[in-house]
């Protein structure tokens, strides 16, 4: 058993060393092709919009609550999104924004409502 484990360890070290040296590069996103990547991004953007906006709207419309309270729930849902998007826009600006330029934080905040547009940058 000990000899078997030594053999497995040596094979793992050898395969790991090949990947680190770059002798046998692993296929990355370039192997998928540009069109496949765009299709994946569009599918993700569509699902994001469906889950973030369309599904809550459908659930509010199908709820047993009627009248002005129904739309109050929809406004409340959007009001909950505002602090989340504000924090995320600040974090995005600190991570990816240039330090030497003033940030257009209001524009970045508005862009968070259609976040998949950030994926295409």
PDB file of N, CA and C in Angstrom:
ATOM      1  N   UNK A   1       0.832  -1.195   0.000  1.00  0.00           N
ATOM      2  CA  UNK A   1       0.000   0.000   0.000  1.00  0.00           C
ATOM      3  C   UNK A   1       0.866   1.244   0.000  1.00  0.00           C
ATOM      4  N   UNK A   2       1.940   1.204   0.784  1.00  0.00           N
ATOM      5  CA  UNK A   2       2.829   2.347   0.867  1.00  0.00           C
ATOM      6  C   UNK A   2       3.482   2.617  -0.488  1.00  0.00           C
ATOM      7  N   UNK A   3       3.882   1.562  -1.194  1.00  0.00           N
ATOM      8  CA  UNK A   3       4.493   1.737  -2.512  1.00  0.00           C
ATOM      9  C   UNK A   3       3.482   2.318  -3.503  1.00  0.00           C
ATOM     10  N   UNK A   4       2.225   1.898  -3.397  1.00  0.00           N
ATOM     11  CA  UNK A   4       1.188   2.425  -4.275  1.00  0.00           C
ATOM     12  C   UNK A   4       0.982   3.919  -4.033  1.00  0.00           C
ATOM     13  N   UNK A   5       0.913   4.314  -2.756  1.00  0.00           N
ATOM     14  CA  UNK A   5       0.715   5.726  -2.436  1.00  0.00           C
ATOM     15  C   UNK A   5       1.900   6.572  -2.872  1.00  0.00           C
ATOM     16  N   UNK A   6       3.115   6.034  -2.768  1.00  0.00           N
ATOM     17  CA  UNK A   6       4.280   6.765  -3.246  1.00  0.00           C
ATOM     18  C   UNK A   6       4.202   6.959  -4.761  1.00  0.00           C
ATOM     19  N   UNK A   7       3.717   5.946  -5.456  1.00  0.00           N
ATOM     20  CA  UNK A   7       3.565   6.057  -6.906  1.00  0.00           C
ATOM     21  C   UNK A   7       2.526   7.102  -7.282  1.00  0.00           C
ATOM     22  N   UNK A   8       1.419   7.142  -6.545  1.00  0.00           N
ATOM     23  CA  UNK A   8       0.377   8.133  -6.820  1.00  0.00           C
ATOM     24  C   UNK A   8       0.897   9.531  -6.522  1.00  0.00           C
ATOM     25  N   UNK A   9       1.621   9.687  -5.419  1.00  0.00           N
ATOM     26  CA  UNK A   9       2.165  10.988  -5.057  1.00  0.00           C
ATOM     27  C   UNK A   9       3.143  11.472  -6.111  1.00  0.00           C
ATOM     28  N   UNK A  10       3.996  10.569  -6.599  1.00  0.00           N
ATOM     29  CA  UNK A  10       4.971  10.986  -7.602  1.00  0.00           C
ATOM     30  C   UNK A  10       4.289  11.358  -8.911  1.00  0.00           C
ATOM     31  N   UNK A  11       3.207  10.668  -9.271  1.00  0.00           N
ATOM     32  CA  UNK A  11       2.476  11.009 -10.489  1.00  0.00           C
ATOM     33  C   UNK A  11       1.779  12.360 -10.355  1.00  0.00           C
ATOM     34  N   UNK A  12       1.235  12.624  -9.185  1.00  0.00           N
ATOM     35  CA  UNK A  12       0.577  13.909  -8.964  1.00  0.00           C
ATOM     36  C   UNK A  12       1.592  15.034  -9.032  1.00  0.00           C
ATOM     37  N   UNK A  13       2.746  14.854  -8.420  1.00  0.00           N
ATOM     38  CA  UNK A  13       3.784  15.882  -8.473  1.00  0.00           C
ATOM     39  C   UNK A  13       4.242  16.108  -9.902  1.00  0.00           C
ATOM     40  N   UNK A  14       4.396  15.042 -10.649  1.00  0.00           N
ATOM     41  CA  UNK A  14       4.849  15.178 -12.033  1.00  0.00           C
ATOM     42  C   UNK A  14       3.811  15.896 -12.885  1.00  0.00           C
ATOM     43  N   UNK A  15       2.554  15.561 -12.723  1.00  0.00           N
ATOM     44  CA  UNK A  15       1.524  16.220 -13.526  1.00  0.00           C
ATOM     45  C   UNK A  15       1.342  17.671 -13.102  1.00  0.00           C
ATOM     46  N   UNK A  16       1.500  17.948 -11.813  1.00  0.00           N
ATOM     47  CA  UNK A  16       1.372  19.323 -11.335  1.00  0.00           C
ATOM     48  C   UNK A  16       2.532  20.171 -11.859  1.00  0.00           C
ATOM     49  N   UNK A  17       3.702  19.605 -11.921  1.00  0.00           N
ATOM     50  CA  UNK A  17       4.864  20.346 -12.398  1.00  0.00           C
ATOM     51  C   UNK A  17       4.719  20.691 -13.876  1.00  0.00           C
ATOM     52  N   UNK A  18       4.125  19.829 -14.658  1.00  0.00           N
ATOM     53  CA  UNK A  18       3.951  20.113 -16.078  1.00  0.00           C
ATOM     54  C   UNK A  18       3.005  21.288 -16.261  1.00  0.00           C
ATOM     55  N   UNK A  19       1.940  21.343 -15.475  1.00  0.00           N
ATOM     56  CA  UNK A  19       0.995  22.444 -15.577  1.00  0.00           C
ATOM     57  C   UNK A  19       1.603  23.762 -15.126  1.00  0.00           C
ATOM     58  N   UNK A  20       2.481  23.739 -14.131  1.00  0.00           N
ATOM     59  CA  UNK A  20       3.098  24.954 -13.628  1.00  0.00           C
ATOM     60  C   UNK A  20       4.129  25.484 -14.608  1.00  0.00           C
ATOM     61  N   UNK A  21       4.919  24.592 -15.205  1.00  0.00           N
ATOM     62  CA  UNK A  21       5.945  25.029 -16.140  1.00  0.00           C
ATOM     63  C   UNK A  21       5.348  25.567 -17.434  1.00  0.00           C
ATOM     64  N   UNK A  22       4.148  25.182 -17.735  1.00  0.00           N
ATOM     65  CA  UNK A  22       3.510  25.645 -18.953  1.00  0.00           C
ATOM     66  C   UNK A  22       3.831  24.768 -20.147  1.00  0.00           C
ATOM     67  N   UNK A  23       4.415  23.598 -19.925  1.00  0.00           N
ATOM     68  CA  UNK A  23       4.762  22.725 -21.040  1.00  0.00           C
ATOM     69  C   UNK A  23       3.506  22.199 -21.727  1.00  0.00           C
ATOM     70  N   UNK A  24       2.473  21.942 -20.962  1.00  0.00           N
ATOM     71  CA  UNK A  24       1.216  21.458 -21.525  1.00  0.00           C
ATOM     72  C   UNK A  24       0.096  22.379 -21.052  1.00  0.00           C
ATOM     73  N   UNK A  25      -0.149  23.472 -21.778  1.00  0.00           N
ATOM     74  CA  UNK A  25      -1.169  24.414 -21.313  1.00  0.00           C
ATOM     75  C   UNK A  25      -2.558  23.797 -21.360  1.00  0.00           C
ATOM     76  N   UNK A  26      -3.336  24.144 -20.371  1.00  0.00           N
ATOM     77  CA  UNK A  26      -4.710  23.668 -20.302  1.00  0.00           C
ATOM     78  C   UNK A  26      -5.586  24.526 -21.204  1.00  0.00           C
ATOM     79  N   UNK A  27      -6.592  23.937 -21.824  1.00  0.00           N
ATOM     80  CA  UNK A  27      -7.478  24.759 -22.659  1.00  0.00           C
ATOM     81  C   UNK A  27      -8.273  25.726 -21.804  1.00  0.00           C
ATOM     82  N   UNK A  28      -8.281  26.972 -22.196  1.00  0.00           N
ATOM     83  CA  UNK A  28      -9.003  27.994 -21.440  1.00  0.00           C
ATOM     84  C   UNK A  28     -10.262  28.419 -22.155  1.00  0.00           C
ATOM     85  N   UNK A  29     -10.662  29.653 -21.897  1.00  0.00           N
ATOM     86  CA  UNK A  29     -11.874  30.166 -22.531  1.00  0.00           C
ATOM     87  C   UNK A  29     -11.686  30.371 -24.022  1.00  0.00           C
ATOM     88  N   UNK A  30     -10.433  30.563 -24.466  1.00  0.00           N
ATOM     89  CA  UNK A  30     -10.203  30.750 -25.883  1.00  0.00           C
ATOM     90  C   UNK A  30     -10.561  29.507 -26.680  1.00  0.00           C
ATOM     91  N   UNK A  31     -10.499  28.353 -26.042  1.00  0.00           N
ATOM     92  CA  UNK A  31     -10.849  27.117 -26.738  1.00  0.00           C
ATOM     93  C   UNK A  31     -12.336  27.051 -27.036  1.00  0.00           C
ATOM     94  N   UNK A  32     -13.150  27.764 -26.260  1.00  0.00           N
ATOM     95  CA  UNK A  32     -14.590  27.768 -26.500  1.00  0.00           C
ATOM     96  C   UNK A  32     -14.960  28.575 -27.733  1.00  0.00           C
ATOM     97  N   UNK A  33     -14.195  29.574 -28.017  1.00  0.00           N
ATOM     98  CA  UNK A  33     -14.525  30.448 -29.128  1.00  0.00           C
ATOM     99  C   UNK A  33     -15.330  31.644 -28.659  1.00  0.00           C
ATOM    100  N   UNK A  34     -15.266  32.704 -29.431  1.00  0.00           N
ATOM    101  CA  UNK A  34     -15.920  33.947 -29.041  1.00  0.00           C
ATOM    102  C   UNK A  34     -17.436  33.821 -29.065  1.00  0.00           C
ATOM    103  N   UNK A  35     -17.970  33.172 -30.075  1.00  0.00           N
ATOM    104  CA  UNK A  35     -19.428  33.090 -30.191  1.00  0.00           C
ATOM    105  C   UNK A  35     -20.036  32.285 -29.047  1.00  0.00           C
ATOM    106  N   UNK A  36     -19.370  31.236 -28.615  1.00  0.00           N
ATOM    107  CA  UNK A  36     -19.874  30.443 -27.493  1.00  0.00           C
ATOM    108  C   UNK A  36     -19.876  31.265 -26.217  1.00  0.00           C
ATOM    109  N   UNK A  37     -18.839  32.057 -26.032  1.00  0.00           N
ATOM    110  CA  UNK A  37     -18.770  32.909 -24.846  1.00  0.00           C
ATOM    111  C   UNK A  37     -19.887  33.955 -24.852  1.00  0.00           C
ATOM    112  N   UNK A  38     -20.172  34.527 -26.005  1.00  0.00           N
ATOM    113  CA  UNK A  38     -21.247  35.521 -26.105  1.00  0.00           C
ATOM    114  C   UNK A  38     -22.592  34.858 -25.826  1.00  0.00           C
ATOM    115  N   UNK A  39     -22.798  33.655 -26.335  1.00  0.00           N
ATOM    116  CA  UNK A  39     -24.054  32.943 -26.091  1.00  0.00           C
ATOM    117  C   UNK A  39     -24.212  32.670 -24.596  1.00  0.00           C
ATOM    118  N   UNK A  40     -23.149  32.255 -23.934  1.00  0.00           N
ATOM    119  CA  UNK A  40     -23.222  32.005 -22.488  1.00  0.00           C
ATOM    120  C   UNK A  40     -23.531  33.292 -21.719  1.00  0.00           C
ATOM    121  N   UNK A  41     -22.909  34.403 -22.117  1.00  0.00           N
ATOM    122  CA  UNK A  41     -23.178  35.678 -21.451  1.00  0.00           C
ATOM    123  C   UNK A  41     -24.620  36.126 -21.676  1.00  0.00           C
ATOM    124  N   UNK A  42     -25.131  35.956 -22.883  1.00  0.00           N
ATOM    125  CA  UNK A  42     -26.521  36.337 -23.154  1.00  0.00           C
ATOM    126  C   UNK A  42     -27.506  35.463 -22.392  1.00  0.00           C
ATOM    127  N   UNK A  43     -27.218  34.171 -22.290  1.00  0.00           N
ATOM    128  CA  UNK A  43     -28.086  33.288 -21.507  1.00  0.00           C
ATOM    129  C   UNK A  43     -28.065  33.689 -20.031  1.00  0.00           C
ATOM    130  N   UNK A  44     -26.882  33.991 -19.502  1.00  0.00           N
ATOM    131  CA  UNK A  44     -26.772  34.423 -18.114  1.00  0.00           C
ATOM    132  C   UNK A  44     -27.486  35.741 -17.872  1.00  0.00           C
ATOM    133  N   UNK A  45     -27.355  36.680 -18.815  1.00  0.00           N
ATOM    134  CA  UNK A  45     -28.026  37.970 -18.672  1.00  0.00           C
ATOM    135  C   UNK A  45     -29.543  37.811 -18.704  1.00  0.00           C
ATOM    136  N   UNK A  46     -30.025  36.947 -19.587  1.00  0.00           N
ATOM    137  CA  UNK A  46     -31.464  36.706 -19.662  1.00  0.00           C
ATOM    138  C   UNK A  46     -31.986  36.104 -18.368  1.00  0.00           C
ATOM    139  N   UNK A  47     -31.279  35.117 -17.853  1.00  0.00           N
ATOM    140  CA  UNK A  47     -31.707  34.503 -16.588  1.00  0.00           C
ATOM    141  C   UNK A  47     -31.642  35.493 -15.435  1.00  0.00           C
ATOM    142  N   UNK A  48     -30.615  36.341 -15.426  1.00  0.00           N
ATOM    143  CA  UNK A  48     -30.478  37.319 -14.351  1.00  0.00           C
ATOM    144  C   UNK A  48     -31.664  38.270 -14.351  1.00  0.00           C
ATOM    145  N   UNK A  49     -32.048  38.762 -15.532  1.00  0.00           N
ATOM    146  CA  UNK A  49     -33.185  39.693 -15.621  1.00  0.00           C
ATOM    147  C   UNK A  49     -34.480  38.983 -15.245  1.00  0.00           C
ATOM    148  N   UNK A  50     -34.637  37.737 -15.690  1.00  0.00           N
ATOM    149  CA  UNK A  50     -35.849  36.989 -15.338  1.00  0.00           C
ATOM    150  C   UNK A  50     -35.959  36.785 -13.831  1.00  0.00           C
ATOM    151  N   UNK A  51     -34.865  36.418 -13.199  1.00  0.00           N
ATOM    152  CA  UNK A  51     -34.891  36.131 -11.762  1.00  0.00           C
ATOM    153  C   UNK A  51     -35.001  37.403 -10.936  1.00  0.00           C
ATOM    154  N   UNK A  52     -34.325  38.460 -11.361  1.00  0.00           N
ATOM    155  CA  UNK A  52     -34.297  39.680 -10.561  1.00  0.00           C
ATOM    156  C   UNK A  52     -35.554  40.520 -10.688  1.00  0.00           C
ATOM    157  N   UNK A  53     -36.118  40.613 -11.887  1.00  0.00           N
ATOM    158  CA  UNK A  53     -37.242  41.522 -12.091  1.00  0.00           C
ATOM    159  C   UNK A  53     -38.541  40.832 -12.493  1.00  0.00           C
ATOM    160  N   UNK A  54     -38.484  39.936 -13.441  1.00  0.00           N
ATOM    161  CA  UNK A  54     -39.716  39.357 -13.978  1.00  0.00           C
ATOM    162  C   UNK A  54     -40.380  38.417 -12.973  1.00  0.00           C
ATOM    163  N   UNK A  55     -39.605  37.550 -12.326  1.00  0.00           N
ATOM    164  CA  UNK A  55     -40.184  36.607 -11.360  1.00  0.00           C
ATOM    165  C   UNK A  55     -40.851  37.326 -10.179  1.00  0.00           C
ATOM    166  N   UNK A  56     -40.218  38.333  -9.559  1.00  0.00           N
ATOM    167  CA  UNK A  56     -40.929  39.041  -8.485  1.00  0.00           C
ATOM    168  C   UNK A  56     -42.179  39.775  -8.978  1.00  0.00           C
ATOM    169  N   UNK A  57     -42.136  40.313 -10.198  1.00  0.00           N
ATOM    170  CA  UNK A  57     -43.314  40.983 -10.731  1.00  0.00           C
ATOM    171  C   UNK A  57     -44.460  39.998 -10.952  1.00  0.00           C
ATOM    172  N   UNK A  58     -44.140  38.826 -11.471  1.00  0.00           N
ATOM    173  CA  UNK A  58     -45.172  37.804 -11.671  1.00  0.00           C
ATOM    174  C   UNK A  58     -45.738  37.347 -10.333  1.00  0.00           C
ATOM    175  N   UNK A  59     -44.875  37.182  -9.331  1.00  0.00           N
ATOM    176  CA  UNK A  59     -45.382  36.750  -8.027  1.00  0.00           C
ATOM    177  C   UNK A  59     -46.247  37.818  -7.369  1.00  0.00           C
ATOM    178  N   UNK A  60     -45.935  39.100  -7.584  1.00  0.00           N
ATOM    179  CA  UNK A  60     -46.783  40.172  -7.050  1.00  0.00           C
ATOM    180  C   UNK A  60     -48.120  40.190  -7.774  1.00  0.00           C
ATOM    181  N   UNK A  61     -48.086  40.007  -9.086  1.00  0.00           N
ATOM    182  CA  UNK A  61     -49.343  40.007  -9.849  1.00  0.00           C
ATOM    183  C   UNK A  61     -50.214  38.800  -9.530  1.00  0.00           C
ATOM    184  N   UNK A  62     -49.593  37.672  -9.195  1.00  0.00           N
ATOM    185  CA  UNK A  62     -50.358  36.462  -8.887  1.00  0.00           C
ATOM    186  C   UNK A  62     -50.708  36.339  -7.408  1.00  0.00           C
ATOM    187  N   UNK A  63     -50.269  37.288  -6.601  1.00  0.00           N
ATOM    188  CA  UNK A  63     -50.537  37.197  -5.167  1.00  0.00           C
ATOM    189  C   UNK A  63     -52.005  37.477  -4.865  1.00  0.00           C
ATOM    190  N   UNK A  64     -52.474  37.021  -3.723  1.00  0.00           N
ATOM    191  CA  UNK A  64     -53.871  37.283  -3.359  1.00  0.00           C
ATOM    192  C   UNK A  64     -54.111  38.729  -2.931  1.00  0.00           C
ATOM    193  N   UNK A  65     -53.054  39.491  -2.732  1.00  0.00           N
ATOM    194  CA  UNK A  65     -53.189  40.894  -2.354  1.00  0.00           C
ATOM    195  C   UNK A  65     -53.601  41.687  -3.593  1.00  0.00           C
ATOM    196  N   UNK A  66     -54.608  42.514  -3.475  1.00  0.00           N
ATOM    197  CA  UNK A  66     -55.120  43.282  -4.606  1.00  0.00           C
ATOM    198  C   UNK A  66     -55.098  44.779  -4.309  1.00  0.00           C
ATOM    199  N   UNK A  67     -55.205  45.539  -5.354  1.00  0.00           N
ATOM    200  CA  UNK A  67     -55.303  46.988  -5.218  1.00  0.00           C
ATOM    201  C   UNK A  67     -53.947  47.653  -5.101  1.00  0.00           C
ATOM    202  N   UNK A  68     -53.937  48.738  -4.346  1.00  0.00           N
ATOM    203  CA  UNK A  68     -52.706  49.518  -4.223  1.00  0.00           C
ATOM    204  C   UNK A  68     -51.647  48.787  -3.401  1.00  0.00           C
ATOM    205  N   UNK A  69     -52.077  47.890  -2.544  1.00  0.00           N
ATOM    206  CA  UNK A  69     -51.099  47.119  -1.752  1.00  0.00           C
ATOM    207  C   UNK A  69     -50.245  46.226  -2.641  1.00  0.00           C
ATOM    208  N   UNK A  70     -50.834  45.788  -3.734  1.00  0.00           N
ATOM    209  CA  UNK A  70     -50.106  44.926  -4.657  1.00  0.00           C
ATOM    210  C   UNK A  70     -48.903  45.674  -5.239  1.00  0.00           C
ATOM    211  N   UNK A  71     -49.112  46.900  -5.660  1.00  0.00           N
ATOM    212  CA  UNK A  71     -48.007  47.664  -6.230  1.00  0.00           C
ATOM    213  C   UNK A  71     -47.073  48.182  -5.151  1.00  0.00           C
ATOM    214  N   UNK A  72     -47.582  48.310  -3.939  1.00  0.00           N
ATOM    215  CA  UNK A  72     -46.723  48.680  -2.824  1.00  0.00           C
ATOM    216  C   UNK A  72     -45.674  47.592  -2.571  1.00  0.00           C
ATOM    217  N   UNK A  73     -46.054  46.334  -2.733  1.00  0.00           N
ATOM    218  CA  UNK A  73     -45.089  45.229  -2.597  1.00  0.00           C
ATOM    219  C   UNK A  73     -44.013  45.298  -3.675  1.00  0.00           C
ATOM    220  N   UNK A  74     -44.395  45.652  -4.891  1.00  0.00           N
ATOM    221  CA  UNK A  74     -43.414  45.770  -5.977  1.00  0.00           C
ATOM    222  C   UNK A  74     -42.449  46.919  -5.704  1.00  0.00           C
ATOM    223  N   UNK A  75     -42.958  48.040  -5.229  1.00  0.00           N
ATOM    224  CA  UNK A  75     -42.098  49.175  -4.897  1.00  0.00           C
ATOM    225  C   UNK A  75     -41.192  48.822  -3.725  1.00  0.00           C
ATOM    226  N   UNK A  76     -41.718  48.097  -2.756  1.00  0.00           N
ATOM    227  CA  UNK A  76     -40.913  47.663  -1.610  1.00  0.00           C
ATOM    228  C   UNK A  76     -39.770  46.759  -2.057  1.00  0.00           C
ATOM    229  N   UNK A  77     -40.039  45.873  -3.018  1.00  0.00           N
ATOM    230  CA  UNK A  77     -38.983  45.004  -3.539  1.00  0.00           C
ATOM    231  C   UNK A  77     -37.875  45.827  -4.191  1.00  0.00           C
ATOM    232  N   UNK A  78     -38.250  46.812  -4.993  1.00  0.00           N
ATOM    233  CA  UNK A  78     -37.234  47.668  -5.611  1.00  0.00           C
ATOM    234  C   UNK A  78     -36.501  48.501  -4.569  1.00  0.00           C
ATOM    235  N   UNK A  79     -37.209  48.932  -3.523  1.00  0.00           N
ATOM    236  CA  UNK A  79     -36.560  49.691  -2.455  1.00  0.00           C
ATOM    237  C   UNK A  79     -35.534  48.838  -1.709  1.00  0.00           C
ATOM    238  N   UNK A  80     -35.770  47.542  -1.630  1.00  0.00           N
ATOM    239  CA  UNK A  80     -34.779  46.657  -1.023  1.00  0.00           C
ATOM    240  C   UNK A  80     -33.555  46.487  -1.911  1.00  0.00           C
ATOM    241  N   UNK A  81     -33.741  46.616  -3.210  1.00  0.00           N
ATOM    242  CA  UNK A  81     -32.628  46.473  -4.136  1.00  0.00           C
ATOM    243  C   UNK A  81     -31.664  47.665  -4.081  1.00  0.00           C
ATOM    244  N   UNK A  82     -32.162  48.822  -3.743  1.00  0.00           N
ATOM    245  CA  UNK A  82     -31.348  50.044  -3.798  1.00  0.00           C
ATOM    246  C   UNK A  82     -30.127  49.982  -2.884  1.00  0.00           C
ATOM    247  N   UNK A  83     -30.232  49.644  -1.593  1.00  0.00           N
ATOM    248  CA  UNK A  83     -29.009  49.591  -0.782  1.00  0.00           C
ATOM    249  C   UNK A  83     -28.066  48.484  -1.219  1.00  0.00           C
ATOM    250  N   UNK A  84     -28.612  47.397  -1.702  1.00  0.00           N
ATOM    251  CA  UNK A  84     -27.753  46.307  -2.171  1.00  0.00           C
ATOM    252  C   UNK A  84     -26.939  46.768  -3.374  1.00  0.00           C
ATOM    253  N   UNK A  85     -27.594  47.428  -4.317  1.00  0.00           N
ATOM    254  CA  UNK A  85     -26.895  47.897  -5.515  1.00  0.00           C
ATOM    255  C   UNK A  85     -25.935  49.030  -5.203  1.00  0.00           C
ATOM    256  N   UNK A  86     -26.259  49.848  -4.206  1.00  0.00           N
ATOM    257  CA  UNK A  86     -25.349  50.937  -3.824  1.00  0.00           C
ATOM    258  C   UNK A  86     -24.048  50.365  -3.262  1.00  0.00           C
ATOM    259  N   UNK A  87     -24.166  49.400  -2.375  1.00  0.00           N
ATOM    260  CA  UNK A  87     -22.959  48.777  -1.806  1.00  0.00           C
ATOM    261  C   UNK A  87     -22.167  48.072  -2.895  1.00  0.00           C
ATOM    262  N   UNK A  88     -22.861  47.377  -3.784  1.00  0.00           N
ATOM    263  CA  UNK A  88     -22.160  46.669  -4.839  1.00  0.00           C
ATOM    264  C   UNK A  88     -21.480  47.626  -5.814  1.00  0.00           C
ATOM    265  N   UNK A  89     -22.110  48.766  -6.113  1.00  0.00           N
ATOM    266  CA  UNK A  89     -21.478  49.725  -7.014  1.00  0.00           C
ATOM    267  C   UNK A  89     -20.238  50.339  -6.379  1.00  0.00           C
ATOM    268  N   UNK A  90     -20.283  50.587  -5.069  1.00  0.00           N
ATOM    269  CA  UNK A  90     -19.098  51.111  -4.379  1.00  0.00           C
ATOM    270  C   UNK A  90     -17.971  50.077  -4.372  1.00  0.00           C
ATOM    271  N   UNK A  91     -18.329  48.826  -4.120  1.00  0.00           N
ATOM    272  CA  UNK A  91     -17.306  47.777  -4.126  1.00  0.00           C
ATOM    273  C   UNK A  91     -16.730  47.592  -5.520  1.00  0.00           C
ATOM    274  N   UNK A  92     -17.573  47.648  -6.547  1.00  0.00           N
ATOM    275  CA  UNK A  92     -17.107  47.505  -7.919  1.00  0.00           C
ATOM    276  C   UNK A  92     -16.183  48.654  -8.295  1.00  0.00           C
ATOM    277  N   UNK A  93     -16.539  49.867  -7.869  1.00  0.00           N
ATOM    278  CA  UNK A  93     -15.710  51.027  -8.173  1.00  0.00           C
ATOM    279  C   UNK A  93     -14.363  50.941  -7.476  1.00  0.00           C
ATOM    280  N   UNK A  94     -14.343  50.492  -6.238  1.00  0.00           N
ATOM    281  CA  UNK A  94     -13.077  50.372  -5.516  1.00  0.00           C
ATOM    282  C   UNK A  94     -12.195  49.274  -6.099  1.00  0.00           C
ATOM    283  N   UNK A  95     -12.803  48.217  -6.595  1.00  0.00           N
ATOM    284  CA  UNK A  95     -12.023  47.099  -7.133  1.00  0.00           C
ATOM    285  C   UNK A  95     -11.536  47.361  -8.550  1.00  0.00           C
ATOM    286  N   UNK A  96     -12.400  47.866  -9.417  1.00  0.00           N
ATOM    287  CA  UNK A  96     -12.073  47.967 -10.833  1.00  0.00           C
ATOM    288  C   UNK A  96     -11.901  49.381 -11.352  1.00  0.00           C
ATOM    289  N   UNK A  97     -12.332  50.364 -10.587  1.00  0.00           N
ATOM    290  CA  UNK A  97     -12.248  51.742 -11.056  1.00  0.00           C
ATOM    291  C   UNK A  97     -10.840  52.278 -10.960  1.00  0.00           C
ATOM    292  N   UNK A  98     -10.472  53.173 -11.875  1.00  0.00           N
ATOM    293  CA  UNK A  98      -9.136  53.778 -11.811  1.00  0.00           C
ATOM    294  C   UNK A  98      -9.034  54.718 -10.612  1.00  0.00           C
ATOM    295  N   UNK A  99      -7.916  54.631  -9.917  1.00  0.00           N
ATOM    296  CA  UNK A  99      -7.738  55.412  -8.698  1.00  0.00           C
ATOM    297  C   UNK A  99      -7.468  56.889  -8.998  1.00  0.00           C
ATOM    298  N   UNK A 100      -6.937  57.199 -10.183  1.00  0.00           N
ATOM    299  CA  UNK A 100      -6.568  58.576 -10.492  1.00  0.00           C
ATOM    300  C   UNK A 100      -7.694  59.391 -11.112  1.00  0.00           C
ATOM    301  N   UNK A 101      -8.835  58.757 -11.403  1.00  0.00           N
ATOM    302  CA  UNK A 101      -9.953  59.469 -11.991  1.00  0.00           C
ATOM    303  C   UNK A 101     -11.116  59.534 -11.005  1.00  0.00           C
ATOM    304  N   UNK A 102     -11.877  60.631 -11.021  1.00  0.00           N
ATOM    305  CA  UNK A 102     -13.061  60.676 -10.160  1.00  0.00           C
ATOM    306  C   UNK A 102     -14.112  59.689 -10.668  1.00  0.00           C
ATOM    307  N   UNK A 103     -14.772  59.072  -9.742  1.00  0.00           N
ATOM    308  CA  UNK A 103     -15.744  58.037 -10.093  1.00  0.00           C
ATOM    309  C   UNK A 103     -17.110  58.649 -10.378  1.00  0.00           C
ATOM    310  N   UNK A 104     -17.750  58.135 -11.403  1.00  0.00           N
ATOM    311  CA  UNK A 104     -19.139  58.484 -11.691  1.00  0.00           C
ATOM    312  C   UNK A 104     -20.004  57.481 -10.936  1.00  0.00           C
ATOM    313  N   UNK A 105     -20.106  57.674  -9.633  1.00  0.00           N
ATOM    314  CA  UNK A 105     -20.753  56.688  -8.776  1.00  0.00           C
ATOM    315  C   UNK A 105     -22.248  56.592  -9.059  1.00  0.00           C
ATOM    316  N   UNK A 106     -22.872  57.696  -9.452  1.00  0.00           N
ATOM    317  CA  UNK A 106     -24.303  57.653  -9.756  1.00  0.00           C
ATOM    318  C   UNK A 106     -24.562  56.844 -11.031  1.00  0.00           C
ATOM    319  N   UNK A 107     -23.727  57.014 -12.035  1.00  0.00           N
ATOM    320  CA  UNK A 107     -23.855  56.227 -13.254  1.00  0.00           C
ATOM    321  C   UNK A 107     -23.588  54.757 -13.011  1.00  0.00           C
ATOM    322  N   UNK A 108     -22.586  54.472 -12.188  1.00  0.00           N
ATOM    323  CA  UNK A 108     -22.278  53.087 -11.853  1.00  0.00           C
ATOM    324  C   UNK A 108     -23.398  52.460 -11.034  1.00  0.00           C
ATOM    325  N   UNK A 109     -24.012  53.258 -10.161  1.00  0.00           N
ATOM    326  CA  UNK A 109     -25.145  52.769  -9.382  1.00  0.00           C
ATOM    327  C   UNK A 109     -26.326  52.446 -10.294  1.00  0.00           C
ATOM    328  N   UNK A 110     -26.597  53.312 -11.262  1.00  0.00           N
ATOM    329  CA  UNK A 110     -27.692  53.056 -12.196  1.00  0.00           C
ATOM    330  C   UNK A 110     -27.399  51.825 -13.055  1.00  0.00           C
ATOM    331  N   UNK A 111     -26.143  51.603 -13.360  1.00  0.00           N
ATOM    332  CA  UNK A 111     -25.762  50.449 -14.161  1.00  0.00           C
ATOM    333  C   UNK A 111     -25.970  49.138 -13.419  1.00  0.00           C
ATOM    334  N   UNK A 112     -26.005  49.185 -12.089  1.00  0.00           N
ATOM    335  CA  UNK A 112     -26.213  47.970 -11.310  1.00  0.00           C
ATOM    336  C   UNK A 112     -27.615  47.393 -11.508  1.00  0.00           C
ATOM    337  N   UNK A 113     -28.563  48.232 -11.898  1.00  0.00           N
ATOM    338  CA  UNK A 113     -29.912  47.727 -12.131  1.00  0.00           C
ATOM    339  C   UNK A 113     -29.994  46.863 -13.389  1.00  0.00           C
ATOM    340  N   UNK A 114     -29.037  47.016 -14.263  1.00  0.00           N
ATOM    341  CA  UNK A 114     -28.920  46.155 -15.445  1.00  0.00           C
ATOM    342  C   UNK A 114     -27.509  45.560 -15.444  1.00  0.00           C
ATOM    343  N   UNK A 115     -27.203  44.861 -14.384  1.00  0.00           N
ATOM    344  CA  UNK A 115     -25.865  44.346 -14.122  1.00  0.00           C
ATOM    345  C   UNK A 115     -25.242  43.536 -15.257  1.00  0.00           C
ATOM    346  N   UNK A 116     -25.993  42.782 -16.038  1.00  0.00           N
ATOM    347  CA  UNK A 116     -25.339  42.048 -17.126  1.00  0.00           C
ATOM    348  C   UNK A 116     -24.581  42.926 -18.111  1.00  0.00           C
ATOM    349  N   UNK A 117     -24.906  44.217 -18.174  1.00  0.00           N
ATOM    350  CA  UNK A 117     -24.114  45.099 -19.032  1.00  0.00           C
ATOM    351  C   UNK A 117     -22.676  45.216 -18.549  1.00  0.00           C
ATOM    352  N   UNK A 118     -22.467  45.045 -17.232  1.00  0.00           N
ATOM    353  CA  UNK A 118     -21.105  45.060 -16.702  1.00  0.00           C
ATOM    354  C   UNK A 118     -20.312  43.830 -17.144  1.00  0.00           C
ATOM    355  N   UNK A 119     -20.995  42.748 -17.433  1.00  0.00           N
ATOM    356  CA  UNK A 119     -20.313  41.522 -17.832  1.00  0.00           C
ATOM    357  C   UNK A 119     -19.674  41.670 -19.196  1.00  0.00           C
ATOM    358  N   UNK A 120     -20.194  42.553 -20.045  1.00  0.00           N
ATOM    359  CA  UNK A 120     -19.674  42.710 -21.395  1.00  0.00           C
ATOM    360  C   UNK A 120     -18.549  43.719 -21.468  1.00  0.00           C
ATOM    361  N   UNK A 121     -18.173  44.302 -20.358  1.00  0.00           N
ATOM    362  CA  UNK A 121     -17.067  45.271 -20.349  1.00  0.00           C
ATOM    363  C   UNK A 121     -15.762  44.563 -20.526  1.00  0.00           C
TER     364      UNK A 121
END
